[in-house]
Protein backbone atom coordinates (compact mmCIF):
# COMPACT_ATOMS: atom_id res chain seq x y z
CA MET A 1 26.20 9.83 -31.91
CA THR A 2 26.43 6.17 -32.97
CA GLU A 3 26.32 3.24 -30.55
CA ARG A 4 30.02 2.59 -31.17
CA GLU A 5 30.92 6.20 -30.43
CA THR A 6 28.82 6.02 -27.25
CA THR A 7 30.57 2.89 -25.97
CA GLU A 8 34.08 3.72 -27.24
CA GLN A 9 35.04 5.67 -24.13
CA TYR A 10 34.45 2.57 -22.01
CA LEU A 11 36.86 0.50 -24.15
CA GLU A 12 39.94 2.66 -23.56
CA GLY A 13 42.96 0.45 -22.89
CA TYR A 14 40.88 -2.73 -23.20
CA SER A 15 42.65 -4.03 -26.31
CA GLU A 16 46.05 -3.45 -24.68
CA ILE A 17 44.92 -5.39 -21.59
CA LEU A 18 43.84 -8.34 -23.74
CA SER A 19 47.09 -8.34 -25.68
CA SER A 20 49.16 -8.22 -22.49
CA VAL A 21 47.17 -10.93 -20.73
CA CYS A 22 47.29 -13.24 -23.73
CA ALA A 23 51.00 -12.67 -24.31
CA THR A 24 51.93 -13.54 -20.72
CA ARG A 25 49.03 -15.97 -20.19
CA ARG A 26 48.30 -14.40 -16.84
CA ARG A 27 45.07 -13.41 -15.15
CA LEU A 28 43.93 -9.81 -15.08
CA THR A 29 45.46 -7.89 -12.20
CA ARG A 30 43.44 -6.41 -9.37
CA ASP A 31 44.00 -2.90 -10.73
CA GLU A 32 42.81 -3.94 -14.19
CA LEU A 33 39.69 -5.57 -12.76
CA ASP A 34 38.95 -2.53 -10.56
CA ALA A 35 39.32 -0.24 -13.57
CA LEU A 36 36.86 -2.36 -15.56
CA ARG A 37 34.37 -2.38 -12.67
CA SER A 38 34.67 1.40 -12.45
CA ARG A 39 33.93 1.73 -16.16
CA GLY A 40 30.91 -0.50 -15.76
CA GLU A 41 29.61 1.73 -12.99
CA ARG A 42 30.11 4.89 -15.06
CA ALA A 43 28.39 3.29 -18.05
CA ALA A 44 25.37 2.37 -15.92
CA GLU A 45 25.22 5.89 -14.48
CA ALA A 46 25.25 7.22 -18.06
CA GLY A 47 22.25 5.03 -18.86
CA ILE A 48 24.02 2.72 -21.31
CA GLY A 49 22.62 -0.80 -21.41
CA LEU A 50 24.78 -3.77 -20.55
CA ARG A 51 23.96 -5.70 -23.73
CA SER A 52 25.36 -3.06 -26.06
CA LEU A 53 28.50 -2.75 -23.92
CA VAL A 54 29.13 -6.49 -23.85
CA ARG A 55 28.65 -6.55 -27.60
CA ALA A 56 31.27 -3.79 -27.91
CA TYR A 57 33.68 -5.71 -25.69
CA LEU A 58 33.28 -8.86 -27.79
CA SER A 59 33.77 -6.90 -31.02
CA ALA A 60 36.96 -5.39 -29.64
CA ALA A 61 38.21 -8.87 -28.77
CA GLU A 62 37.50 -10.02 -32.33
CA ARG A 63 39.65 -7.18 -33.64
CA VAL A 64 42.48 -8.15 -31.29
CA HIS A 65 42.37 -11.84 -32.16
CA PRO A 66 44.07 -11.74 -35.63
CA GLU A 67 47.01 -9.78 -34.19
CA LEU A 68 47.82 -12.38 -31.53
CA PRO A 69 50.30 -15.24 -31.97
CA HIS A 70 48.58 -18.60 -32.29
CA ALA A 71 49.74 -19.76 -28.85
CA ALA A 72 48.58 -16.55 -27.19
CA ALA A 73 45.19 -16.50 -28.95
CA ALA A 74 44.11 -19.61 -27.05
CA HIS A 75 44.09 -17.54 -23.86
CA LEU A 76 41.89 -14.79 -25.34
CA LEU A 77 38.52 -16.30 -24.40
CA SER A 78 39.53 -16.60 -20.74
CA ALA A 79 40.76 -12.99 -20.68
CA VAL A 80 37.55 -11.70 -22.27
CA GLY A 81 35.50 -13.65 -19.75
CA GLN A 82 37.36 -12.07 -16.82
CA ALA A 83 37.08 -8.59 -18.31
CA VAL A 84 33.37 -8.80 -19.15
CA ASP A 85 32.58 -10.32 -15.75
CA ALA A 86 34.32 -7.42 -13.96
CA PHE A 87 32.67 -4.82 -16.18
CA ALA A 88 29.22 -6.39 -15.69
CA GLU A 89 29.76 -6.52 -11.94
CA GLY A 90 30.40 -2.78 -11.84
CA HIS A 91 27.40 -2.12 -14.10
CA ASP A 92 25.09 -4.22 -11.91
CA ARG A 93 26.41 -2.64 -8.73
CA ALA A 94 25.67 0.86 -10.03
CA GLN A 95 22.19 -0.17 -11.15
CA HIS A 96 21.39 -1.75 -7.80
CA LEU A 97 22.58 1.37 -6.02
CA ALA A 98 20.44 3.54 -8.28
CA MET A 99 17.43 1.32 -7.60
CA ARG A 100 17.96 1.52 -3.85
CA GLN A 101 18.27 5.29 -4.06
CA GLU A 102 15.12 5.47 -6.18
CA GLU A 103 13.24 3.25 -3.72
CA ALA A 104 14.45 5.38 -0.80
CA ALA A 105 13.35 8.57 -2.59
CA ARG A 106 9.97 7.03 -3.38
CA ARG A 107 9.45 5.87 0.19
CA GLU A 108 10.43 9.29 1.54
CA PHE A 109 7.99 10.94 -0.86
CA ILE A 110 5.17 8.58 0.13
CA ASP A 111 5.79 9.20 3.83
CA ASP A 112 5.76 12.96 3.27
CA LEU A 113 2.64 12.70 1.08
CA LEU A 114 0.59 10.59 3.49
CA TYR A 115 1.69 12.43 6.63
CA GLY A 116 1.46 15.92 5.16
CA ARG A 117 5.11 16.66 5.77
CA SER A 118 7.43 18.82 3.65
CA ASP A 119 6.71 22.08 1.87
CA LEU A 120 3.56 21.63 -0.22
CA GLY A 121 5.09 23.32 -3.26
CA ARG A 122 8.14 21.10 -3.15
CA LEU A 123 5.93 18.07 -2.52
CA ALA A 124 3.92 18.86 -5.65
CA GLU A 125 7.13 19.03 -7.70
CA ARG A 126 8.28 15.66 -6.38
CA ALA A 127 4.83 14.17 -7.00
CA GLU A 128 5.11 14.69 -10.77
CA ARG A 129 8.15 12.42 -10.78
CA PHE A 130 5.93 9.64 -9.43
CA GLY A 131 3.00 10.32 -11.74
CA LEU A 132 0.74 12.52 -9.59
CA LEU A 133 -0.54 16.03 -10.28
CA LEU A 134 -1.35 17.34 -6.83
CA SER A 135 -3.01 20.43 -8.23
CA HIS A 136 -5.92 18.10 -9.07
CA ALA A 137 -8.27 16.35 -6.66
CA HIS A 138 -7.43 12.83 -5.54
CA ALA A 139 -9.00 10.08 -3.47
CA VAL A 140 -7.24 7.35 -1.52
CA ALA A 141 -8.20 3.73 -0.95
CA VAL A 142 -6.62 1.62 1.79
CA ALA A 143 -6.82 -2.18 1.91
CA GLN A 144 -5.90 -4.41 4.81
CA GLY A 145 -5.92 -8.16 5.11
CA PRO A 146 -5.15 -10.90 7.60
CA GLU A 147 -1.41 -10.20 7.35
CA PRO A 148 0.80 -7.15 6.68
CA TYR A 149 1.98 -6.40 3.12
CA ASP A 150 5.03 -4.64 1.73
CA ASP A 151 6.04 -3.35 -1.70
CA GLY A 152 7.74 -6.56 -2.81
CA TYR A 153 5.04 -8.98 -1.66
CA ALA A 154 3.20 -11.22 -4.12
CA VAL A 155 -0.15 -9.67 -3.11
CA THR A 156 1.16 -6.18 -3.88
CA ARG A 157 2.60 -7.24 -7.23
CA ALA A 158 -0.63 -9.00 -8.21
CA VAL A 159 -2.78 -5.95 -7.49
CA GLU A 160 -0.31 -3.65 -9.25
CA SER A 161 -0.21 -5.87 -12.33
CA SER A 162 -4.00 -5.90 -12.51
CA LEU A 163 -4.18 -2.10 -12.28
CA VAL A 164 -1.51 -1.59 -14.94
CA ALA A 165 -3.18 -4.10 -17.26
CA ARG A 166 -6.56 -2.39 -16.86
CA PHE A 167 -5.62 1.30 -16.75
CA GLY A 168 -2.12 1.45 -18.23
CA ASN A 169 -0.01 4.47 -17.39
CA ARG A 170 -2.67 6.66 -15.83
CA ARG A 171 -1.68 8.87 -12.91
CA ILE A 172 -2.09 6.22 -10.23
CA LEU A 173 0.15 5.60 -7.24
CA LEU A 174 0.09 2.15 -5.66
CA THR A 175 2.18 1.61 -2.54
CA THR A 176 2.14 0.12 0.94
CA LYS A 177 2.20 1.72 4.36
CA ASP A 178 2.12 0.09 7.79
CA GLY A 179 1.28 -3.29 6.25
CA ARG A 180 -1.65 -2.00 4.18
CA LEU A 181 -2.09 -1.56 0.42
CA ILE A 182 -2.70 2.03 -0.64
CA CYS A 183 -3.92 3.40 -3.95
CA VAL A 184 -4.01 7.12 -4.80
CA ALA A 185 -6.02 7.98 -7.90
CA PRO A 186 -7.49 11.07 -9.60
CA ALA A 187 -10.91 11.98 -8.26
CA ASP A 188 -12.41 12.12 -11.75
CA GLU A 189 -11.64 8.42 -12.28
CA PRO A 190 -13.61 6.64 -9.52
CA GLU A 191 -13.48 3.41 -11.50
CA VAL A 192 -9.78 3.11 -10.60
CA LEU A 193 -10.40 2.84 -6.87
CA ALA A 194 -13.44 0.63 -7.40
CA TYR A 195 -11.27 -1.77 -9.43
CA PHE A 196 -8.46 -1.55 -6.87
CA ALA A 197 -10.94 -2.46 -4.13
CA LYS A 198 -12.12 -5.49 -6.09
CA GLN A 199 -8.60 -6.71 -6.80
CA ALA A 200 -7.31 -6.02 -3.28
CA TYR A 201 -10.26 -7.83 -1.71
CA ALA A 202 -9.52 -10.89 -3.83
CA ALA A 203 -5.73 -10.76 -3.41
CA THR A 204 -5.89 -10.38 0.37
CA ASP A 205 -8.23 -13.34 0.65
CA GLY A 206 -11.24 -11.39 1.85
CA GLY A 207 -9.62 -8.32 3.36
CA GLN A 208 -11.39 -5.01 3.77
CA VAL A 209 -11.00 -1.84 1.72
CA ALA A 210 -11.90 1.71 2.73
CA ILE A 211 -12.16 4.60 0.27
CA GLY A 212 -11.76 8.19 1.43
CA ARG A 213 -13.56 11.13 -0.12
CA SER A 214 -11.87 13.15 -2.88
CA HIS A 215 -10.04 16.33 -1.90
CA SER A 216 -7.91 18.84 -3.79
CA GLY A 217 -4.23 19.62 -3.39
CA ALA A 218 -1.38 17.90 -1.58
CA GLY A 219 -3.22 18.24 1.71
CA GLY A 220 -6.22 16.57 0.09
CA VAL A 221 -4.35 13.29 -0.29
CA VAL A 222 -3.57 13.29 3.44
CA HIS A 223 -7.19 14.08 4.28
CA SER A 224 -8.55 11.28 2.08
CA TYR A 225 -5.98 8.82 3.44
CA GLU A 226 -6.91 9.63 7.03
CA GLU A 227 -10.61 9.23 6.20
CA ALA A 228 -9.92 5.76 4.80
CA LEU A 229 -7.89 4.77 7.88
CA ASN A 230 -10.63 6.08 10.18
CA ALA A 231 -13.20 4.07 8.24
CA LEU A 232 -11.20 0.87 8.80
CA ASP A 233 -10.84 1.68 12.49
CA LEU A 234 -14.54 2.40 12.75
CA ALA A 235 -15.35 -0.89 11.02
CA ALA A 236 -13.29 -2.77 13.59
CA ARG A 237 -15.06 -1.07 16.49
CA MET A 238 -18.53 -1.35 15.00
CA ASP A 239 -18.14 -4.87 13.57
CA LEU A 240 -18.83 -3.60 10.07
CA ASN A 241 -18.00 -6.51 7.77
CA ASP A 242 -18.69 -4.90 4.39
CA PRO A 243 -15.79 -5.66 2.00
CA VAL A 244 -15.72 -2.05 0.78
CA LEU A 245 -16.35 0.94 3.02
CA HIS A 246 -16.88 4.48 1.76
CA ALA A 247 -15.94 7.24 4.19
CA ALA A 248 -18.77 9.36 2.79
CA ASP A 249 -21.30 6.77 4.03
CA LEU A 250 -19.89 6.77 7.57
CA LEU A 251 -19.86 10.49 8.33
CA VAL A 252 -22.58 10.15 10.94
CA TYR A 253 -20.27 8.23 13.28
CA PRO A 254 -17.61 10.95 13.70
CA VAL A 255 -20.44 13.41 14.28
CA LEU A 256 -21.85 11.24 17.06
CA THR A 257 -18.50 10.94 18.82
CA ARG A 258 -17.32 14.52 18.33
CA ASP A 259 -18.48 15.28 21.87
CA ARG A 260 -17.18 12.17 23.60
CA GLN A 261 -18.34 13.24 27.06
CA ALA A 262 -21.89 13.84 25.89
CA MET A 263 -21.97 10.46 24.17
CA ALA A 264 -20.61 8.76 27.30
CA ASP A 265 -23.32 10.42 29.38
CA LEU A 266 -25.97 9.18 26.93
CA VAL A 267 -24.66 5.60 27.06
CA ARG A 268 -24.51 5.59 30.86
CA THR A 269 -27.97 7.11 31.20
CA VAL A 270 -29.81 5.05 28.57
CA LEU A 271 -27.98 1.73 28.72
CA GLY A 272 -26.49 1.77 32.20
CA PRO A 273 -29.51 -0.05 33.70
CA LEU A 274 -28.72 -3.08 31.49
CA GLN A 275 -25.83 -3.89 33.83
CA GLN A 276 -28.42 -5.00 36.39
CA ALA A 277 -29.38 -7.94 34.18
CA ARG A 278 -28.16 -11.45 34.93
CA GLY A 279 -25.00 -11.90 32.86
CA GLY A 280 -24.39 -8.18 32.62
CA ALA A 281 -25.15 -5.70 29.91
CA GLN A 282 -23.34 -7.34 26.96
CA PRO A 283 -25.97 -9.97 25.99
CA LEU A 284 -28.74 -7.37 25.97
CA LEU A 285 -26.51 -4.91 24.11
CA ASP A 286 -25.88 -7.60 21.48
CA THR A 287 -29.64 -8.09 21.30
CA LEU A 288 -30.24 -4.41 20.59
CA THR A 289 -27.41 -4.35 18.04
CA ALA A 290 -28.86 -7.28 16.10
CA TYR A 291 -32.38 -5.84 16.36
CA PHE A 292 -31.40 -2.46 14.95
CA ASP A 293 -29.02 -3.91 12.33
CA THR A 294 -31.84 -6.04 10.91
CA GLY A 295 -34.25 -3.13 10.65
CA CYS A 296 -36.07 -4.03 13.86
CA VAL A 297 -37.27 -7.36 12.48
CA THR A 298 -37.51 -9.66 15.50
CA ALA A 299 -37.37 -12.97 13.61
CA GLN A 300 -34.35 -11.96 11.57
CA ALA A 301 -32.52 -10.63 14.64
CA ALA A 302 -33.28 -13.88 16.46
CA ARG A 303 -31.71 -15.91 13.63
CA ARG A 304 -28.62 -13.73 13.72
CA LEU A 305 -28.20 -14.44 17.44
CA ASN A 306 -29.19 -18.12 17.12
CA LEU A 307 -32.16 -17.54 19.40
CA SER A 308 -35.78 -18.52 19.18
CA VAL A 309 -38.24 -15.74 18.45
CA ARG A 310 -39.68 -16.27 21.91
CA ALA A 311 -36.27 -15.80 23.55
CA MET A 312 -35.66 -12.71 21.43
CA THR A 313 -38.99 -11.23 22.44
CA TYR A 314 -38.21 -11.95 26.09
CA ARG A 315 -34.91 -10.10 25.81
CA LEU A 316 -36.57 -7.08 24.19
CA ASP A 317 -39.16 -7.00 26.97
CA ARG A 318 -36.37 -7.20 29.53
CA ILE A 319 -34.58 -4.28 27.88
CA GLN A 320 -37.78 -2.22 28.00
CA HIS A 321 -38.27 -3.06 31.66
CA LEU A 322 -34.72 -2.08 32.64
CA THR A 323 -34.31 1.05 30.51
CA GLY A 324 -37.89 2.28 30.40
CA SER A 325 -37.59 2.59 26.60
CA ASP A 326 -39.42 0.41 24.09
CA PRO A 327 -37.10 -0.64 21.21
CA GLY A 328 -40.14 -1.09 19.00
CA ASP A 329 -41.46 2.42 19.55
CA PRO A 330 -40.22 4.78 16.78
CA VAL A 331 -39.87 7.73 19.19
CA GLN A 332 -38.10 5.85 21.99
CA ARG A 333 -36.04 3.80 19.53
CA TYR A 334 -33.90 6.76 18.43
CA ALA A 335 -32.30 7.34 21.84
CA LEU A 336 -31.72 3.61 22.31
CA GLN A 337 -30.16 3.16 18.86
CA THR A 338 -27.93 6.22 19.26
CA ALA A 339 -26.79 4.95 22.65
CA VAL A 340 -26.05 1.50 21.17
CA ILE A 341 -23.92 3.09 18.45
CA GLY A 342 -22.14 5.15 21.10
CA ALA A 343 -21.50 2.04 23.21
CA ARG A 344 -19.91 0.26 20.25
CA LEU A 345 -17.78 3.27 19.40
CA LEU A 346 -16.63 3.77 22.98
CA GLY A 347 -16.12 0.08 23.75
CA TRP A 348 -18.76 -0.04 26.49
CA PRO A 349 -19.33 -2.03 28.68
CA ASP A 350 -15.75 -3.43 28.47
CA GLN A 351 -14.38 0.10 28.83
CA ASP A 352 -15.43 2.29 31.74
CA LEU A 353 -16.95 5.60 30.68
């Protein structure tokens, strides 16, 4: 079917309208304008581009022009302008509606995908429409910054443009959820999430990115997404400032807190005596945190806390006196370090255990 044959059905009665309008030198009636808008909507729904349709409308006007009396022909341009404007309005309206419906369908799919809702078989079918094959394994990266982000934000567009430029049309899903940037990528292409992390870190002006482990199936996307979210939450509680966090590297922390009551008992038993110190437990807890984070190097821990080495040594001696455990002793250090991790995870001493 030729382009003219495709557009011909949307020109029905158009020539007669032009002839009538030019002969009477009137404006198009409301019914005529509504009919043209309706045709524009139908053309958009049929997937016909506006440029080819406008070209057809102008060609039809050229064919009408020689048949018009000279006085009437002067009104032709105005009539064509009214007709094309009404037709284009209907075309645009239908396209905007289709875009909103597509955006709503995409958002519904993303919500179902990340929350594990909907029938998994049906979810897999819908996923193909958005470029994912849920029968394969996927991993999810989540980026957050100093402010929330949505699909239309400049930060989101910048990251998306970078991914498309680098990887083209690979099966990647970039979206936003709860103010965070989210990237879902095939597990056998780890370079995608690594690149996403780099771009998101830069675009969010030093935000933080967490990458979940790869898992298979529709449920695997949910699992990886939750791992990434948990990694970000853990980083906030543990003051982990690494720009990129890998859930696989943080598995020890969920293990430690799986039995919350046991961990609380350990914190109270091992670190509880620190509350007897002048100023409370927090300064000495910060001392232990810095000491363990620097590999038990006293001078380095002192610099981190802006203390002299002498003051740092005094604090460590005070901790040993109160707890009965020597932070420098490899055997006694393990219980202290585990208790410090537990305190950070449980929010102690700010939170009662």
